[in-house]
Every structure is written in C-alpha cells, then in structure tokens.
Amino acid sequence: PTASPTQPGNPLPTASFTPSVVANGLGLIPNWQVPALSTDPL
C-alpha cells in the first residue's frame, strides 16, 4: 500500500472555531483541524 497523495486545492479540514471577518484582519479564515496520524507505510 502507498500513502494517499494530497489532493491539490483541497480545503482545510473543518474548524473547531467559528470563522469571522475582522476589519483589521485578512478577512479569510482557513478552517484548521489537525488530521489523525496515517498508518500508511513510509
């Protein structure tokens, strides 16, 4: 078995916080959640 490649342009995983647009921020809030460790071979 081989590790699944990252799909180009995939959105980041579902966030654990609610995105919001702040005037002095960038206004683009990535949705971050650290994925589980894969069991694929090195």
Full PDB file with SEQRES, HELIX, SHEET, SSBOND, CRYST1, ORIGX, SCALE, CONECT and MASTER records, all heavy atoms in Angstrom:
SEQRES   1 A   42  PRO THR ALA SER PRO THR GLN PRO GLY ASN PRO LEU PRO          
SEQRES   2 A   42  THR ALA SER PHE THR PRO SER VAL VAL ALA ASN GLY LEU          
SEQRES   3 A   42  GLY LEU ILE PRO ASN TRP GLN VAL PRO ALA LEU SER THR          
SEQRES   4 A   42  ASP PRO LEU                                                  
CRYST1    1.000    1.000    1.000  90.00  90.00  90.00 P 1           1          
ORIGX1      1.000000  0.000000  0.000000        0.00000                         
ORIGX2      0.000000  1.000000  0.000000        0.00000                         
ORIGX3      0.000000  0.000000  1.000000        0.00000                         
SCALE1      1.000000  0.000000  0.000000        0.00000                         
SCALE2      0.000000  1.000000  0.000000        0.00000                         
SCALE3      0.000000  0.000000  1.000000        0.00000                         
ATOM      1  N   PRO A   1       0.838  -1.205   0.000  1.00  0.00           N  
ATOM      2  CA  PRO A   1       0.000   0.000   0.000  1.00  0.00           C  
ATOM      3  C   PRO A   1       0.863   1.242   0.000  1.00  0.00           C  
ATOM      4  O   PRO A   1       1.966   1.240   0.522  1.00  0.00           O  
ATOM      5  CB  PRO A   1      -0.803  -0.121   1.309  1.00  0.00           C  
ATOM      6  CG  PRO A   1       0.029  -1.009   2.175  1.00  0.00           C  
ATOM      7  CD  PRO A   1       0.727  -1.956   1.238  1.00  0.00           C  
ATOM      8  N   THR A   2       0.403   2.305  -0.603  1.00  0.00           N  
ATOM      9  CA  THR A   2       1.116   3.581  -0.645  1.00  0.00           C  
ATOM     10  C   THR A   2       0.272   4.661  -0.021  1.00  0.00           C  
ATOM     11  O   THR A   2      -0.947   4.587   0.023  1.00  0.00           O  
ATOM     12  CB  THR A   2       1.447   3.978  -2.094  1.00  0.00           C  
ATOM     13  OG1 THR A   2       0.232   4.006  -2.855  1.00  0.00           O  
ATOM     14  CG2 THR A   2       2.402   2.980  -2.727  1.00  0.00           C  
ATOM     15  N   ALA A   3       0.946   5.724   0.461  1.00  0.00           N  
ATOM     16  CA  ALA A   3       0.237   6.828   1.102  1.00  0.00           C  
ATOM     17  C   ALA A   3      -0.557   7.603   0.073  1.00  0.00           C  
ATOM     18  O   ALA A   3      -0.123   7.807  -1.047  1.00  0.00           O  
ATOM     19  CB  ALA A   3       1.247   7.752   1.792  1.00  0.00           C  
ATOM     20  N   SER A   4      -1.757   8.014   0.467  1.00  0.00           N  
ATOM     21  CA  SER A   4      -2.601   8.785  -0.438  1.00  0.00           C  
ATOM     22  C   SER A   4      -2.020  10.168  -0.626  1.00  0.00           C  
ATOM     23  O   SER A   4      -1.669  10.831   0.337  1.00  0.00           O  
ATOM     24  CB  SER A   4      -4.009   8.905   0.154  1.00  0.00           C  
ATOM     25  OG  SER A   4      -4.559   7.621   0.337  1.00  0.00           O  
ATOM     26  N   PRO A   5      -1.887  10.618  -1.885  1.00  0.00           N  
ATOM     27  CA  PRO A   5      -1.334  11.958  -2.105  1.00  0.00           C  
ATOM     28  C   PRO A   5      -2.314  13.036  -1.695  1.00  0.00           C  
ATOM     29  O   PRO A   5      -3.514  12.828  -1.663  1.00  0.00           O  
ATOM     30  CB  PRO A   5      -1.090  11.980  -3.622  1.00  0.00           C  
ATOM     31  CG  PRO A   5      -2.095  11.010  -4.166  1.00  0.00           C  
ATOM     32  CD  PRO A   5      -2.230   9.932  -3.123  1.00  0.00           C  
ATOM     33  N   THR A   6      -1.787  14.196  -1.358  1.00  0.00           N  
ATOM     34  CA  THR A   6      -2.623  15.338  -1.047  1.00  0.00           C  
ATOM     35  C   THR A   6      -3.335  15.794  -2.313  1.00  0.00           C  
ATOM     36  O   THR A   6      -2.728  15.933  -3.358  1.00  0.00           O  
ATOM     37  CB  THR A   6      -1.760  16.488  -0.511  1.00  0.00           C  
ATOM     38  OG1 THR A   6      -1.053  16.000   0.618  1.00  0.00           O  
ATOM     39  CG2 THR A   6      -2.597  17.672  -0.114  1.00  0.00           C  
ATOM     40  N   GLN A   7      -4.609  16.036  -2.213  1.00  0.00           N  
ATOM     41  CA  GLN A   7      -5.363  16.495  -3.360  1.00  0.00           C  
ATOM     42  C   GLN A   7      -5.161  17.986  -3.545  1.00  0.00           C  
ATOM     43  O   GLN A   7      -5.395  18.762  -2.625  1.00  0.00           O  
ATOM     44  CB  GLN A   7      -6.860  16.197  -3.145  1.00  0.00           C  
ATOM     45  CG  GLN A   7      -7.186  14.701  -3.085  1.00  0.00           C  
ATOM     46  CD  GLN A   7      -6.820  13.998  -4.375  1.00  0.00           C  
ATOM     47  OE1 GLN A   7      -7.040  14.530  -5.457  1.00  0.00           O  
ATOM     48  NE2 GLN A   7      -6.243  12.810  -4.272  1.00  0.00           N  
ATOM     49  N   PRO A   8      -4.726  18.431  -4.725  1.00  0.00           N  
ATOM     50  CA  PRO A   8      -4.499  19.861  -4.950  1.00  0.00           C  
ATOM     51  C   PRO A   8      -5.765  20.667  -4.720  1.00  0.00           C  
ATOM     52  O   PRO A   8      -6.861  20.283  -5.132  1.00  0.00           O  
ATOM     53  CB  PRO A   8      -4.067  19.914  -6.427  1.00  0.00           C  
ATOM     54  CG  PRO A   8      -3.569  18.536  -6.722  1.00  0.00           C  
ATOM     55  CD  PRO A   8      -4.392  17.614  -5.882  1.00  0.00           C  
ATOM     56  N   GLY A   9      -5.594  21.789  -4.020  1.00  0.00           N  
ATOM     57  CA  GLY A   9      -6.697  22.726  -3.843  1.00  0.00           C  
ATOM     58  C   GLY A   9      -7.725  22.298  -2.817  1.00  0.00           C  
ATOM     59  O   GLY A   9      -8.772  22.924  -2.699  1.00  0.00           O  
ATOM     60  N   ASN A  10      -7.464  21.177  -2.088  1.00  0.00           N  
ATOM     61  CA  ASN A  10      -8.426  20.768  -1.081  1.00  0.00           C  
ATOM     62  C   ASN A  10      -8.600  21.847  -0.024  1.00  0.00           C  
ATOM     63  O   ASN A  10      -7.628  22.440   0.430  1.00  0.00           O  
ATOM     64  CB  ASN A  10      -7.951  19.485  -0.379  1.00  0.00           C  
ATOM     65  CG  ASN A  10      -8.454  18.245  -1.088  1.00  0.00           C  
ATOM     66  OD1 ASN A  10      -9.110  18.342  -2.118  1.00  0.00           O  
ATOM     67  ND2 ASN A  10      -8.134  17.089  -0.542  1.00  0.00           N  
ATOM     68  N   PRO A  11      -9.818  22.096   0.419  1.00  0.00           N  
ATOM     69  CA  PRO A  11      -9.992  22.999   1.567  1.00  0.00           C  
ATOM     70  C   PRO A  11      -9.438  22.340   2.807  1.00  0.00           C  
ATOM     71  O   PRO A  11      -9.378  21.107   2.897  1.00  0.00           O  
ATOM     72  CB  PRO A  11     -11.507  23.179   1.653  1.00  0.00           C  
ATOM     73  CG  PRO A  11     -12.065  21.956   1.005  1.00  0.00           C  
ATOM     74  CD  PRO A  11     -11.092  21.585  -0.074  1.00  0.00           C  
ATOM     75  N   LEU A  12      -9.030  23.156   3.768  1.00  0.00           N  
ATOM     76  CA  LEU A  12      -8.527  22.597   5.013  1.00  0.00           C  
ATOM     77  C   LEU A  12      -9.681  21.995   5.796  1.00  0.00           C  
ATOM     78  O   LEU A  12     -10.839  22.358   5.593  1.00  0.00           O  
ATOM     79  CB  LEU A  12      -7.833  23.698   5.815  1.00  0.00           C  
ATOM     80  CG  LEU A  12      -6.569  24.206   5.148  1.00  0.00           C  
ATOM     81  CD1 LEU A  12      -6.076  25.454   5.832  1.00  0.00           C  
ATOM     82  CD2 LEU A  12      -5.489  23.157   5.156  1.00  0.00           C  
ATOM     83  N   PRO A  13      -9.398  21.041   6.706  1.00  0.00           N  
ATOM     84  CA  PRO A  13     -10.459  20.350   7.421  1.00  0.00           C  
ATOM     85  C   PRO A  13     -11.361  21.293   8.216  1.00  0.00           C  
ATOM     86  O   PRO A  13     -11.017  22.447   8.471  1.00  0.00           O  
ATOM     87  CB  PRO A  13      -9.682  19.406   8.356  1.00  0.00           C  
ATOM     88  CG  PRO A  13      -8.367  19.235   7.708  1.00  0.00           C  
ATOM     89  CD  PRO A  13      -8.088  20.527   7.009  1.00  0.00           C  
ATOM     90  N   THR A  14     -12.487  20.763   8.673  1.00  0.00           N  
ATOM     91  CA  THR A  14     -13.485  21.561   9.387  1.00  0.00           C  
ATOM     92  C   THR A  14     -12.896  22.176  10.643  1.00  0.00           C  
ATOM     93  O   THR A  14     -12.187  21.532  11.392  1.00  0.00           O  
ATOM     94  CB  THR A  14     -14.675  20.664   9.770  1.00  0.00           C  
ATOM     95  OG1 THR A  14     -15.183  20.072   8.584  1.00  0.00           O  
ATOM     96  CG2 THR A  14     -15.764  21.487  10.446  1.00  0.00           C  
ATOM     97  N   ALA A  15     -13.210  23.426  10.882  1.00  0.00           N  
ATOM     98  CA  ALA A  15     -12.634  24.160  12.002  1.00  0.00           C  
ATOM     99  C   ALA A  15     -13.329  23.807  13.299  1.00  0.00           C  
ATOM    100  O   ALA A  15     -14.484  23.406  13.326  1.00  0.00           O  
ATOM    101  CB  ALA A  15     -12.767  25.656  11.768  1.00  0.00           C  
ATOM    102  N   SER A  16     -12.603  23.975  14.399  1.00  0.00           N  
ATOM    103  CA  SER A  16     -13.191  23.825  15.728  1.00  0.00           C  
ATOM    104  C   SER A  16     -13.620  25.171  16.286  1.00  0.00           C  
ATOM    105  O   SER A  16     -13.994  25.258  17.435  1.00  0.00           O  
ATOM    106  CB  SER A  16     -12.178  23.156  16.661  1.00  0.00           C  
ATOM    107  OG  SER A  16     -10.995  23.926  16.725  1.00  0.00           O  
ATOM    108  N   PHE A  17     -13.510  26.227  15.498  1.00  0.00           N  
ATOM    109  CA  PHE A  17     -13.963  27.546  15.922  1.00  0.00           C  
ATOM    110  C   PHE A  17     -14.785  28.147  14.791  1.00  0.00           C  
ATOM    111  O   PHE A  17     -14.735  27.702  13.660  1.00  0.00           O  
ATOM    112  CB  PHE A  17     -12.771  28.453  16.268  1.00  0.00           C  
ATOM    113  CG  PHE A  17     -11.866  28.730  15.112  1.00  0.00           C  
ATOM    114  CD1 PHE A  17     -12.023  29.860  14.324  1.00  0.00           C  
ATOM    115  CD2 PHE A  17     -10.856  27.839  14.784  1.00  0.00           C  
ATOM    116  CE1 PHE A  17     -11.199  30.092  13.251  1.00  0.00           C  
ATOM    117  CE2 PHE A  17     -10.026  28.073  13.709  1.00  0.00           C  
ATOM    118  CZ  PHE A  17     -10.197  29.195  12.942  1.00  0.00           C  
ATOM    119  N   THR A  18     -15.547  29.174  15.113  1.00  0.00           N  
ATOM    120  CA  THR A  18     -16.406  29.801  14.121  1.00  0.00           C  
ATOM    121  C   THR A  18     -15.647  30.885  13.393  1.00  0.00           C  
ATOM    122  O   THR A  18     -15.173  31.833  14.021  1.00  0.00           O  
ATOM    123  CB  THR A  18     -17.648  30.418  14.793  1.00  0.00           C  
ATOM    124  OG1 THR A  18     -18.326  29.378  15.500  1.00  0.00           O  
ATOM    125  CG2 THR A  18     -18.574  31.029  13.750  1.00  0.00           C  
ATOM    126  N   PRO A  19     -15.494  30.785  12.055  1.00  0.00           N  
ATOM    127  CA  PRO A  19     -14.789  31.829  11.313  1.00  0.00           C  
ATOM    128  C   PRO A  19     -15.519  33.157  11.414  1.00  0.00           C  
ATOM    129  O   PRO A  19     -16.736  33.216  11.501  1.00  0.00           O  
ATOM    130  CB  PRO A  19     -14.801  31.296   9.875  1.00  0.00           C  
ATOM    131  CG  PRO A  19     -15.038  29.831  10.001  1.00  0.00           C  
ATOM    132  CD  PRO A  19     -15.904  29.681  11.204  1.00  0.00           C  
ATOM    133  N   SER A  20     -14.755  34.228  11.424  1.00  0.00           N  
ATOM    134  CA  SER A  20     -15.343  35.558  11.445  1.00  0.00           C  
ATOM    135  C   SER A  20     -14.444  36.485  10.661  1.00  0.00           C  
ATOM    136  O   SER A  20     -13.265  36.249  10.524  1.00  0.00           O  
ATOM    137  CB  SER A  20     -15.504  36.063  12.884  1.00  0.00           C  
ATOM    138  OG  SER A  20     -14.240  36.155  13.509  1.00  0.00           O  
ATOM    139  N   VAL A  21     -15.009  37.567  10.141  1.00  0.00           N  
ATOM    140  CA  VAL A  21     -14.248  38.552   9.382  1.00  0.00           C  
ATOM    141  C   VAL A  21     -14.016  39.754  10.275  1.00  0.00           C  
ATOM    142  O   VAL A  21     -14.949  40.344  10.797  1.00  0.00           O  
ATOM    143  CB  VAL A  21     -14.994  38.966   8.107  1.00  0.00           C  
ATOM    144  CG1 VAL A  21     -14.235  40.049   7.377  1.00  0.00           C  
ATOM    145  CG2 VAL A  21     -15.184  37.747   7.206  1.00  0.00           C  
ATOM    146  N   VAL A  22     -12.759  40.097  10.483  1.00  0.00           N  
ATOM    147  CA  VAL A  22     -12.394  41.220  11.331  1.00  0.00           C  
ATOM    148  C   VAL A  22     -11.807  42.314  10.453  1.00  0.00           C  
ATOM    149  O   VAL A  22     -11.028  42.043   9.541  1.00  0.00           O  
ATOM    150  CB  VAL A  22     -11.362  40.784  12.401  1.00  0.00           C  
ATOM    151  CG1 VAL A  22     -10.979  41.963  13.285  1.00  0.00           C  
ATOM    152  CG2 VAL A  22     -11.961  39.663  13.244  1.00  0.00           C  
ATOM    153  N   ALA A  23     -12.170  43.547  10.725  1.00  0.00           N  
ATOM    154  CA  ALA A  23     -11.800  44.644   9.832  1.00  0.00           C  
ATOM    155  C   ALA A  23     -10.306  44.750   9.636  1.00  0.00           C  
ATOM    156  O   ALA A  23      -9.821  45.000   8.536  1.00  0.00           O  
ATOM    157  CB  ALA A  23     -12.356  45.959  10.372  1.00  0.00           C  
ATOM    158  N   ASN A  24      -9.531  44.575  10.712  1.00  0.00           N  
ATOM    159  CA  ASN A  24      -8.089  44.730  10.571  1.00  0.00           C  
ATOM    160  C   ASN A  24      -7.386  43.395  10.329  1.00  0.00           C  
ATOM    161  O   ASN A  24      -6.179  43.320  10.352  1.00  0.00           O  
ATOM    162  CB  ASN A  24      -7.498  45.404  11.818  1.00  0.00           C  
ATOM    163  CG  ASN A  24      -7.662  44.542  13.061  1.00  0.00           C  
ATOM    164  OD1 ASN A  24      -8.539  43.701  13.101  1.00  0.00           O  
ATOM    165  ND2 ASN A  24      -6.834  44.760  14.058  1.00  0.00           N  
ATOM    166  N   GLY A  25      -8.149  42.340  10.079  1.00  0.00           N  
ATOM    167  CA  GLY A  25      -7.552  41.064   9.744  1.00  0.00           C  
ATOM    168  C   GLY A  25      -7.538  40.885   8.237  1.00  0.00           C  
ATOM    169  O   GLY A  25      -7.869  41.796   7.483  1.00  0.00           O  
ATOM    170  N   LEU A  26      -7.190  39.688   7.816  1.00  0.00           N  
ATOM    171  CA  LEU A  26      -7.146  39.434   6.380  1.00  0.00           C  
ATOM    172  C   LEU A  26      -8.535  39.172   5.810  1.00  0.00           C  
ATOM    173  O   LEU A  26      -8.748  39.262   4.619  1.00  0.00           O  
ATOM    174  CB  LEU A  26      -6.242  38.232   6.091  1.00  0.00           C  
ATOM    175  CG  LEU A  26      -4.760  38.445   6.374  1.00  0.00           C  
ATOM    176  CD1 LEU A  26      -4.006  37.163   6.111  1.00  0.00           C  
ATOM    177  CD2 LEU A  26      -4.185  39.565   5.529  1.00  0.00           C  
ATOM    178  N   GLY A  27      -9.488  38.808   6.680  1.00  0.00           N  
ATOM    179  CA  GLY A  27     -10.829  38.543   6.206  1.00  0.00           C  
ATOM    180  C   GLY A  27     -10.980  37.180   5.563  1.00  0.00           C  
ATOM    181  O   GLY A  27     -12.023  36.866   5.017  1.00  0.00           O  
ATOM    182  N   LEU A  28      -9.955  36.342   5.617  1.00  0.00           N  
ATOM    183  CA  LEU A  28     -10.020  34.994   5.076  1.00  0.00           C  
ATOM    184  C   LEU A  28      -9.551  34.047   6.160  1.00  0.00           C  
ATOM    185  O   LEU A  28      -8.383  34.052   6.527  1.00  0.00           O  
ATOM    186  CB  LEU A  28      -9.131  34.851   3.834  1.00  0.00           C  
ATOM    187  CG  LEU A  28      -9.554  35.683   2.618  1.00  0.00           C  
ATOM    188  CD1 LEU A  28      -8.461  35.636   1.566  1.00  0.00           C  
ATOM    189  CD2 LEU A  28     -10.844  35.146   2.046  1.00  0.00           C  
ATOM    190  N   ILE A  29     -10.445  33.265   6.694  1.00  0.00           N  
ATOM    191  CA  ILE A  29     -10.116  32.434   7.847  1.00  0.00           C  
ATOM    192  C   ILE A  29     -10.061  30.974   7.421  1.00  0.00           C  
ATOM    193  O   ILE A  29     -11.090  30.368   7.136  1.00  0.00           O  
ATOM    194  CB  ILE A  29     -11.160  32.596   8.969  1.00  0.00           C  
ATOM    195  CG1 ILE A  29     -11.435  34.075   9.221  1.00  0.00           C  
ATOM    196  CG2 ILE A  29     -10.688  31.903  10.236  1.00  0.00           C  
ATOM    197  CD1 ILE A  29     -10.229  34.871   9.626  1.00  0.00           C  
ATOM    198  N   PRO A  30      -8.873  30.380   7.318  1.00  0.00           N  
ATOM    199  CA  PRO A  30      -8.806  28.957   7.000  1.00  0.00           C  
ATOM    200  C   PRO A  30      -9.465  28.130   8.092  1.00  0.00           C  
ATOM    201  O   PRO A  30      -9.470  28.519   9.262  1.00  0.00           O  
ATOM    202  CB  PRO A  30      -7.299  28.676   6.940  1.00  0.00           C  
ATOM    203  CG  PRO A  30      -6.662  30.013   6.788  1.00  0.00           C  
ATOM    204  CD  PRO A  30      -7.577  30.975   7.496  1.00  0.00           C  
ATOM    205  N   ASN A  31     -10.021  26.997   7.714  1.00  0.00           N  
ATOM    206  CA  ASN A  31     -10.615  26.073   8.684  1.00  0.00           C  
ATOM    207  C   ASN A  31      -9.570  25.016   9.023  1.00  0.00           C  
ATOM    208  O   ASN A  31      -9.237  24.186   8.196  1.00  0.00           O  
ATOM    209  CB  ASN A  31     -11.860  25.417   8.083  1.00  0.00           C  
ATOM    210  CG  ASN A  31     -12.963  26.416   7.844  1.00  0.00           C  
ATOM    211  OD1 ASN A  31     -13.082  27.367   8.606  1.00  0.00           O  
ATOM    212  ND2 ASN A  31     -13.754  26.222   6.805  1.00  0.00           N  
ATOM    213  N   TRP A  32      -9.088  25.047  10.248  1.00  0.00           N  
ATOM    214  CA  TRP A  32      -7.977  24.183  10.628  1.00  0.00           C  
ATOM    215  C   TRP A  32      -8.410  23.153  11.644  1.00  0.00           C  
ATOM    216  O   TRP A  32      -9.078  23.463  12.614  1.00  0.00           O  
ATOM    217  CB  TRP A  32      -6.830  25.001  11.235  1.00  0.00           C  
ATOM    218  CG  TRP A  32      -6.137  25.862  10.268  1.00  0.00           C  
ATOM    219  CD1 TRP A  32      -5.837  25.576   8.969  1.00  0.00           C  
ATOM    220  CD2 TRP A  32      -5.663  27.187  10.488  1.00  0.00           C  
ATOM    221  NE1 TRP A  32      -5.197  26.620   8.376  1.00  0.00           N  
ATOM    222  CE2 TRP A  32      -5.078  27.624   9.282  1.00  0.00           C  
ATOM    223  CE3 TRP A  32      -5.661  28.035  11.567  1.00  0.00           C  
ATOM    224  CZ2 TRP A  32      -4.493  28.868   9.147  1.00  0.00           C  
ATOM    225  CZ3 TRP A  32      -5.087  29.277  11.440  1.00  0.00           C  
ATOM    226  CH2 TRP A  32      -4.511  29.689  10.239  1.00  0.00           C  
ATOM    227  N   GLN A  33      -7.982  21.937  11.419  1.00  0.00           N  
ATOM    228  CA  GLN A  33      -8.101  20.885  12.411  1.00  0.00           C  
ATOM    229  C   GLN A  33      -7.047  19.857  12.067  1.00  0.00           C  
ATOM    230  O   GLN A  33      -6.978  19.373  10.943  1.00  0.00           O  
ATOM    231  CB  GLN A  33      -9.498  20.253  12.382  1.00  0.00           C  
ATOM    232  CG  GLN A  33      -9.658  19.119  13.393  1.00  0.00           C  
ATOM    233  CD  GLN A  33     -11.067  18.569  13.372  1.00  0.00           C  
ATOM    234  OE1 GLN A  33     -12.029  19.319  13.455  1.00  0.00           O  
ATOM    235  NE2 GLN A  33     -11.205  17.276  13.239  1.00  0.00           N  
ATOM    236  N   VAL A  34      -6.202  19.520  13.013  1.00  0.00           N  
ATOM    237  CA  VAL A  34      -5.089  18.621  12.726  1.00  0.00           C  
ATOM    238  C   VAL A  34      -5.617  17.227  12.436  1.00  0.00           C  
ATOM    239  O   VAL A  34      -6.414  16.684  13.202  1.00  0.00           O  
ATOM    240  CB  VAL A  34      -4.112  18.578  13.919  1.00  0.00           C  
ATOM    241  CG1 VAL A  34      -3.015  17.553  13.675  1.00  0.00           C  
ATOM    242  CG2 VAL A  34      -3.508  19.951  14.138  1.00  0.00           C  
ATOM    243  N   PRO A  35      -5.233  16.617  11.314  1.00  0.00           N  
ATOM    244  CA  PRO A  35      -5.744  15.290  10.965  1.00  0.00           C  
ATOM    245  C   PRO A  35      -5.111  14.199  11.806  1.00  0.00           C  
ATOM    246  O   PRO A  35      -4.062  14.394  12.426  1.00  0.00           O  
ATOM    247  CB  PRO A  35      -5.336  15.142   9.500  1.00  0.00           C  
ATOM    248  CG  PRO A  35      -4.121  15.986   9.374  1.00  0.00           C  
ATOM    249  CD  PRO A  35      -4.330  17.152  10.310  1.00  0.00           C  
ATOM    250  N   ALA A  36      -5.756  13.042  11.838  1.00  0.00           N  
ATOM    251  CA  ALA A  36      -5.205  11.899  12.562  1.00  0.00           C  
ATOM    252  C   ALA A  36      -3.976  11.374  11.835  1.00  0.00           C  
ATOM    253  O   ALA A  36      -3.845  11.509  10.619  1.00  0.00           O  
ATOM    254  CB  ALA A  36      -6.254  10.801  12.678  1.00  0.00           C  
ATOM    255  N   LEU A  37      -3.072  10.761  12.599  1.00  0.00           N  
ATOM    256  CA  LEU A  37      -1.845  10.215  12.014  1.00  0.00           C  
ATOM    257  C   LEU A  37      -2.182   9.009  11.146  1.00  0.00           C  
ATOM    258  O   LEU A  37      -2.887   8.097  11.557  1.00  0.00           O  
ATOM    259  CB  LEU A  37      -0.872   9.813  13.124  1.00  0.00           C  
ATOM    260  CG  LEU A  37       0.521   9.379  12.682  1.00  0.00           C  
ATOM    261  CD1 LEU A  37       1.254  10.559  12.062  1.00  0.00           C  
ATOM    262  CD2 LEU A  37       1.303   8.824  13.857  1.00  0.00           C  
ATOM    263  N   SER A  38      -1.689   9.006   9.920  1.00  0.00           N  
ATOM    264  CA  SER A  38      -1.970   7.920   8.983  1.00  0.00           C  
ATOM    265  C   SER A  38      -1.165   6.684   9.367  1.00  0.00           C  
ATOM    266  O   SER A  38      -0.087   6.772   9.959  1.00  0.00           O  
ATOM    267  CB  SER A  38      -1.610   8.356   7.564  1.00  0.00           C  
ATOM    268  OG  SER A  38      -1.671   7.260   6.684  1.00  0.00           O  
ATOM    269  N   THR A  39      -1.695   5.515   9.025  1.00  0.00           N  
ATOM    270  CA  THR A  39      -0.976   4.261   9.270  1.00  0.00           C  
ATOM    271  C   THR A  39      -0.310   3.749   7.999  1.00  0.00           C  
ATOM    272  O   THR A  39       0.204   2.641   7.971  1.00  0.00           O  
ATOM    273  CB  THR A  39      -1.945   3.191   9.790  1.00  0.00           C  
ATOM    274  OG1 THR A  39      -3.011   3.028   8.842  1.00  0.00           O  
ATOM    275  CG2 THR A  39      -2.525   3.586  11.138  1.00  0.00           C  
ATOM    276  N   ASP A  40      -0.311   4.552   6.928  1.00  0.00           N  
ATOM    277  CA  ASP A  40       0.336   4.137   5.693  1.00  0.00           C  
ATOM    278  C   ASP A  40       1.837   3.989   5.904  1.00  0.00           C  
ATOM    279  O   ASP A  40       2.435   4.691   6.721  1.00  0.00           O  
ATOM    280  CB  ASP A  40       0.083   5.167   4.587  1.00  0.00           C  
ATOM    281  CG  ASP A  40      -1.373   5.171   4.136  1.00  0.00           C  
ATOM    282  OD1 ASP A  40      -2.044   4.158   4.363  1.00  0.00           O  
ATOM    283  OD2 ASP A  40      -1.818   6.183   3.578  1.00  0.00           O  
ATOM    284  N   PRO A  41       2.481   3.076   5.170  1.00  0.00           N  
ATOM    285  CA  PRO A  41       3.931   2.871   5.343  1.00  0.00           C  
ATOM    286  C   PRO A  41       4.719   4.068   4.846  1.00  0.00           C  
ATOM    287  O   PRO A  41       4.257   4.844   4.021  1.00  0.00           O  
ATOM    288  CB  PRO A  41       4.216   1.635   4.491  1.00  0.00           C  
ATOM    289  CG  PRO A  41       3.136   1.640   3.450  1.00  0.00           C  
ATOM    290  CD  PRO A  41       1.916   2.183   4.139  1.00  0.00           C  
ATOM    291  N   LEU A  42       5.959   4.201   5.371  1.00  0.00           N  
ATOM    292  CA  LEU A  42       6.822   5.290   4.941  1.00  0.00           C  
ATOM    293  C   LEU A  42       7.289   5.049   3.507  1.00  0.00           C  
ATOM    294  O   LEU A  42       7.463   3.903   3.083  1.00  0.00           O  
ATOM    295  CB  LEU A  42       8.034   5.393   5.864  1.00  0.00           C  
ATOM    296  CG  LEU A  42       7.740   5.755   7.320  1.00  0.00           C  
ATOM    297  CD1 LEU A  42       9.055   5.840   8.087  1.00  0.00           C  
ATOM    298  CD2 LEU A  42       6.975   7.050   7.430  1.00  0.00           C  
TER     299      LEU A  42                                                      
MASTER        0    0    0    0    0    0    0    6  298    1    0    4          
END                                                                             
